[in-house]
Amino acid sequence: MSIIPIFPQNTILEDDFVLLRPLQESDVENLLEISINEPETWEYSLVKANGKENLENYIQLAIKAKANQTEFPFIVFDKKSGKYAGSTRFYDINLSWKTLQLGYTWYGKDFRGTGLNKHCKFLLLQFAFETLGMERVEFRADNNNQRSIAAMKSIGCKVEGVLRNHMPIFGSEARRDSIILSILRDEWFDAVRDNLKNKL
């Protein structure tokens, strides 16, 4: 089943504070400053985007996955500052099961703790549940990434458990434990949507 009918190539999500549009190759220039100057951004990333070459590879992999209809990556534009803030995406999209994952999310340091992430997550979750008709949206993170875990809990995600020794850490012999969180369709409509909207 193709995702193209429900993911138009020009899918744009926005409110008064943030705009998410499809990531494209030319966005290397829009994200290069963060890529080069903020190495801590990639501490827990599965695919590093530090430095121009890695950023180009990161974007190319994302666009290829979009072409294969398994992912849909966005670039995030902060309307308040008039600057590009980072990137996020839907991935592991399974329309027959009505599930997807939301992740590969990162922002430059100037955009963390500003409320930007909550605006992005509201738009993405609203689209997933109310436009795409998803039953479940899943989130994963390195179990040591406390900042990311706290952010997911703050938007209403429920912890399901930890996959121990789940996967190799990029560029390392070590392996990570992955924490699994999720929001279900009923939870979104019953409470999560309104709670999150009140925090915006």
Protein backbone atom coordinates (compact mmCIF):
# COMPACT_ATOMS: atom_id res chain seq x y z
CA MET A 1 0.00 0.00 0.00
CA SER A 2 1.47 3.33 -1.03
CA ILE A 3 1.87 6.16 1.46
CA ILE A 4 1.81 8.73 -1.34
CA PRO A 5 -1.98 9.40 -1.24
CA ILE A 6 -1.82 10.34 2.46
CA PHE A 7 1.63 11.94 2.32
CA PRO A 8 1.49 14.47 -0.51
CA GLN A 9 5.01 15.45 -1.54
CA ASN A 10 4.34 19.00 -0.36
CA THR A 11 2.89 18.06 3.06
CA ILE A 12 3.33 21.09 5.33
CA LEU A 13 2.37 21.26 9.01
CA GLU A 14 2.34 24.63 10.73
CA ASP A 15 0.94 26.88 13.42
CA ASP A 16 1.81 30.42 14.50
CA PHE A 17 5.18 29.33 15.94
CA VAL A 18 6.60 26.57 13.75
CA LEU A 19 6.53 25.21 10.21
CA LEU A 20 7.44 21.67 9.18
CA ARG A 21 7.98 20.98 5.50
CA PRO A 22 9.51 18.03 3.62
CA LEU A 23 13.28 17.74 4.00
CA GLN A 24 15.18 18.18 0.71
CA GLU A 25 18.80 17.99 -0.44
CA SER A 26 19.25 21.76 -0.52
CA ASP A 27 18.54 21.87 3.23
CA VAL A 28 22.19 21.04 3.86
CA GLU A 29 22.80 24.78 3.81
CA ASN A 30 19.93 25.49 6.20
CA LEU A 31 21.21 23.03 8.82
CA LEU A 32 24.96 23.31 8.31
CA GLU A 33 25.64 25.78 11.13
CA ILE A 34 24.12 23.46 13.74
CA SER A 35 25.83 20.46 12.14
CA ILE A 36 29.29 21.98 12.37
CA ASN A 37 29.13 23.96 15.61
CA GLU A 38 27.05 21.79 17.96
CA PRO A 39 28.61 18.31 18.25
CA GLU A 40 26.67 17.51 21.44
CA THR A 41 23.50 17.39 19.33
CA TRP A 42 24.54 14.01 17.94
CA GLU A 43 25.54 12.30 21.22
CA TYR A 44 22.62 9.86 21.10
CA SER A 45 21.84 9.93 17.36
CA LEU A 46 21.66 6.67 15.41
CA VAL A 47 22.88 8.44 12.29
CA LYS A 48 25.32 11.27 12.91
CA ALA A 49 24.93 14.55 11.04
CA ASN A 50 27.97 16.36 12.41
CA GLY A 51 30.00 18.09 9.70
CA LYS A 52 28.94 18.79 6.12
CA GLU A 53 29.72 15.31 4.75
CA ASN A 54 27.76 13.54 7.47
CA LEU A 55 24.89 16.01 7.14
CA GLU A 56 24.72 15.41 3.39
CA ASN A 57 24.67 11.66 4.02
CA TYR A 58 22.00 12.06 6.73
CA ILE A 59 19.71 13.98 4.39
CA GLN A 60 20.32 11.64 1.44
CA LEU A 61 19.45 8.59 3.57
CA ALA A 62 16.27 10.31 4.76
CA ILE A 63 15.20 11.21 1.23
CA LYS A 64 15.93 7.67 0.01
CA ALA A 65 13.76 6.24 2.79
CA LYS A 66 11.01 8.66 1.79
CA ALA A 67 11.27 7.41 -1.80
CA ASN A 68 10.95 3.86 -0.46
CA GLN A 69 7.79 4.99 1.36
CA THR A 70 8.97 3.92 4.82
CA GLU A 71 9.74 7.37 6.22
CA PHE A 72 8.67 10.98 5.86
CA PRO A 73 11.32 13.49 7.05
CA PHE A 74 10.69 17.16 7.83
CA ILE A 75 12.86 20.21 8.35
CA VAL A 76 11.73 22.41 11.26
CA PHE A 77 11.50 26.20 10.83
CA ASP A 78 11.12 28.40 13.91
CA LYS A 79 8.89 31.33 12.96
CA LYS A 80 9.79 33.38 16.04
CA SER A 81 13.49 33.59 15.15
CA GLY A 82 13.09 33.15 11.41
CA LYS A 83 15.65 30.33 11.47
CA TYR A 84 15.76 26.61 10.72
CA ALA A 85 15.86 24.73 14.01
CA GLY A 86 16.44 21.06 13.14
CA SER A 87 14.68 18.01 11.78
CA THR A 88 12.18 15.29 12.69
CA ARG A 89 10.37 12.49 10.88
CA PHE A 90 7.79 9.73 10.75
CA TYR A 91 9.40 6.33 10.18
CA ASP A 92 8.62 2.60 10.27
CA ILE A 93 5.28 3.56 8.70
CA ASN A 94 2.93 0.56 8.57
CA LEU A 95 -0.43 1.56 7.12
CA SER A 96 -1.95 -1.91 7.32
CA TRP A 97 -1.31 -1.96 11.07
CA LYS A 98 -2.03 1.78 11.42
CA THR A 99 1.20 2.37 13.29
CA LEU A 100 4.28 4.52 12.86
CA GLN A 101 7.22 5.83 14.82
CA LEU A 102 8.05 9.46 15.44
CA GLY A 103 11.70 10.28 15.93
CA TYR A 104 15.06 11.26 14.45
CA THR A 105 14.27 14.54 16.20
CA TRP A 106 16.99 17.07 16.89
CA TYR A 107 17.19 20.81 17.36
CA GLY A 108 20.01 23.32 17.69
CA LYS A 109 20.78 24.45 21.24
CA ASP A 110 19.05 27.82 20.75
CA PHE A 111 15.74 26.03 20.17
CA ARG A 112 15.79 23.58 23.07
CA GLY A 113 13.58 24.41 26.01
CA THR A 114 11.74 27.12 24.06
CA GLY A 115 8.48 25.23 23.59
CA LEU A 116 9.32 24.54 19.94
CA ASN A 117 9.33 20.77 20.45
CA LYS A 118 5.83 20.75 21.92
CA HIS A 119 4.48 22.72 18.96
CA CYS A 120 6.15 20.26 16.57
CA LYS A 121 4.88 17.22 18.43
CA PHE A 122 1.33 18.58 18.56
CA LEU A 123 1.27 19.11 14.80
CA LEU A 124 2.83 15.71 14.07
CA LEU A 125 0.57 13.79 16.46
CA GLN A 126 -2.52 15.62 15.24
CA PHE A 127 -1.61 14.68 11.67
CA ALA A 128 -0.87 11.08 12.61
CA PHE A 129 -4.09 10.45 14.51
CA GLU A 130 -6.56 12.83 12.89
CA THR A 131 -5.44 12.82 9.24
CA LEU A 132 -3.66 9.49 8.79
CA GLY A 133 -5.94 7.59 11.18
CA MET A 134 -3.10 5.91 13.09
CA GLU A 135 -3.91 3.72 16.09
CA ARG A 136 -0.47 3.94 17.69
CA VAL A 137 2.50 6.31 17.55
CA GLU A 138 5.71 4.91 19.00
CA PHE A 139 8.81 6.69 20.27
CA ARG A 140 12.24 5.23 21.01
CA ALA A 141 15.37 6.62 22.60
CA ASP A 142 18.67 5.62 24.12
CA ASN A 143 17.79 4.76 27.71
CA ASN A 144 20.58 7.09 28.86
CA ASN A 145 19.14 10.09 27.00
CA GLN A 146 17.30 11.60 29.93
CA ARG A 147 16.55 14.92 28.20
CA SER A 148 14.78 13.19 25.33
CA ILE A 149 12.89 10.81 27.63
CA ALA A 150 11.68 13.70 29.80
CA ALA A 151 10.50 15.56 26.69
CA MET A 152 8.52 12.54 25.49
CA LYS A 153 6.90 12.02 28.89
CA SER A 154 5.98 15.71 29.04
CA ILE A 155 3.87 15.46 25.89
CA GLY A 156 1.96 12.45 27.21
CA CYS A 157 3.93 9.38 26.13
CA LYS A 158 3.65 6.27 28.27
CA VAL A 159 6.68 4.10 28.95
CA GLU A 160 6.21 0.52 27.77
CA GLY A 161 9.59 -0.91 28.66
CA VAL A 162 13.25 -1.16 27.77
CA LEU A 163 14.82 -3.32 25.05
CA ARG A 164 18.08 -4.38 26.69
CA ASN A 165 21.30 -4.41 24.66
CA HIS A 166 19.04 -3.53 21.76
CA MET A 167 21.36 -2.14 19.11
CA PRO A 168 24.93 -1.03 18.42
CA ILE A 169 25.89 2.56 19.12
CA PHE A 170 26.98 4.27 15.91
CA GLY A 171 30.75 4.19 15.50
CA SER A 172 31.30 2.16 18.65
CA GLU A 173 31.71 -1.41 19.87
CA ALA A 174 29.18 -0.68 22.63
CA ARG A 175 25.46 -1.36 22.46
CA ARG A 176 22.57 0.66 23.82
CA ASP A 177 19.42 -0.13 25.76
CA SER A 178 16.38 1.42 24.01
CA ILE A 179 13.40 2.75 25.93
CA ILE A 180 10.01 2.35 24.20
CA LEU A 181 7.19 4.84 24.72
CA SER A 182 3.90 5.34 22.90
CA ILE A 183 0.64 7.21 22.55
CA LEU A 184 -2.51 5.36 21.46
CA ARG A 185 -5.36 6.81 19.44
CA ASP A 186 -7.84 6.72 22.35
CA GLU A 187 -5.28 8.39 24.63
CA TRP A 188 -4.79 11.19 22.12
CA PHE A 189 -8.48 12.00 21.89
CA ASP A 190 -9.26 11.35 25.58
CA ALA A 191 -6.58 13.51 27.18
CA VAL A 192 -3.21 13.87 25.48
CA ARG A 193 -4.38 16.28 22.77
CA ASP A 194 -6.00 18.74 25.17
CA ASN A 195 -3.22 18.48 27.77
CA LEU A 196 -0.57 19.14 25.15
CA LYS A 197 -2.56 21.97 23.58
CA ASN A 198 -2.82 23.67 26.98
CA LYS A 199 0.99 23.64 27.26
CA LEU A 200 1.51 25.44 23.95
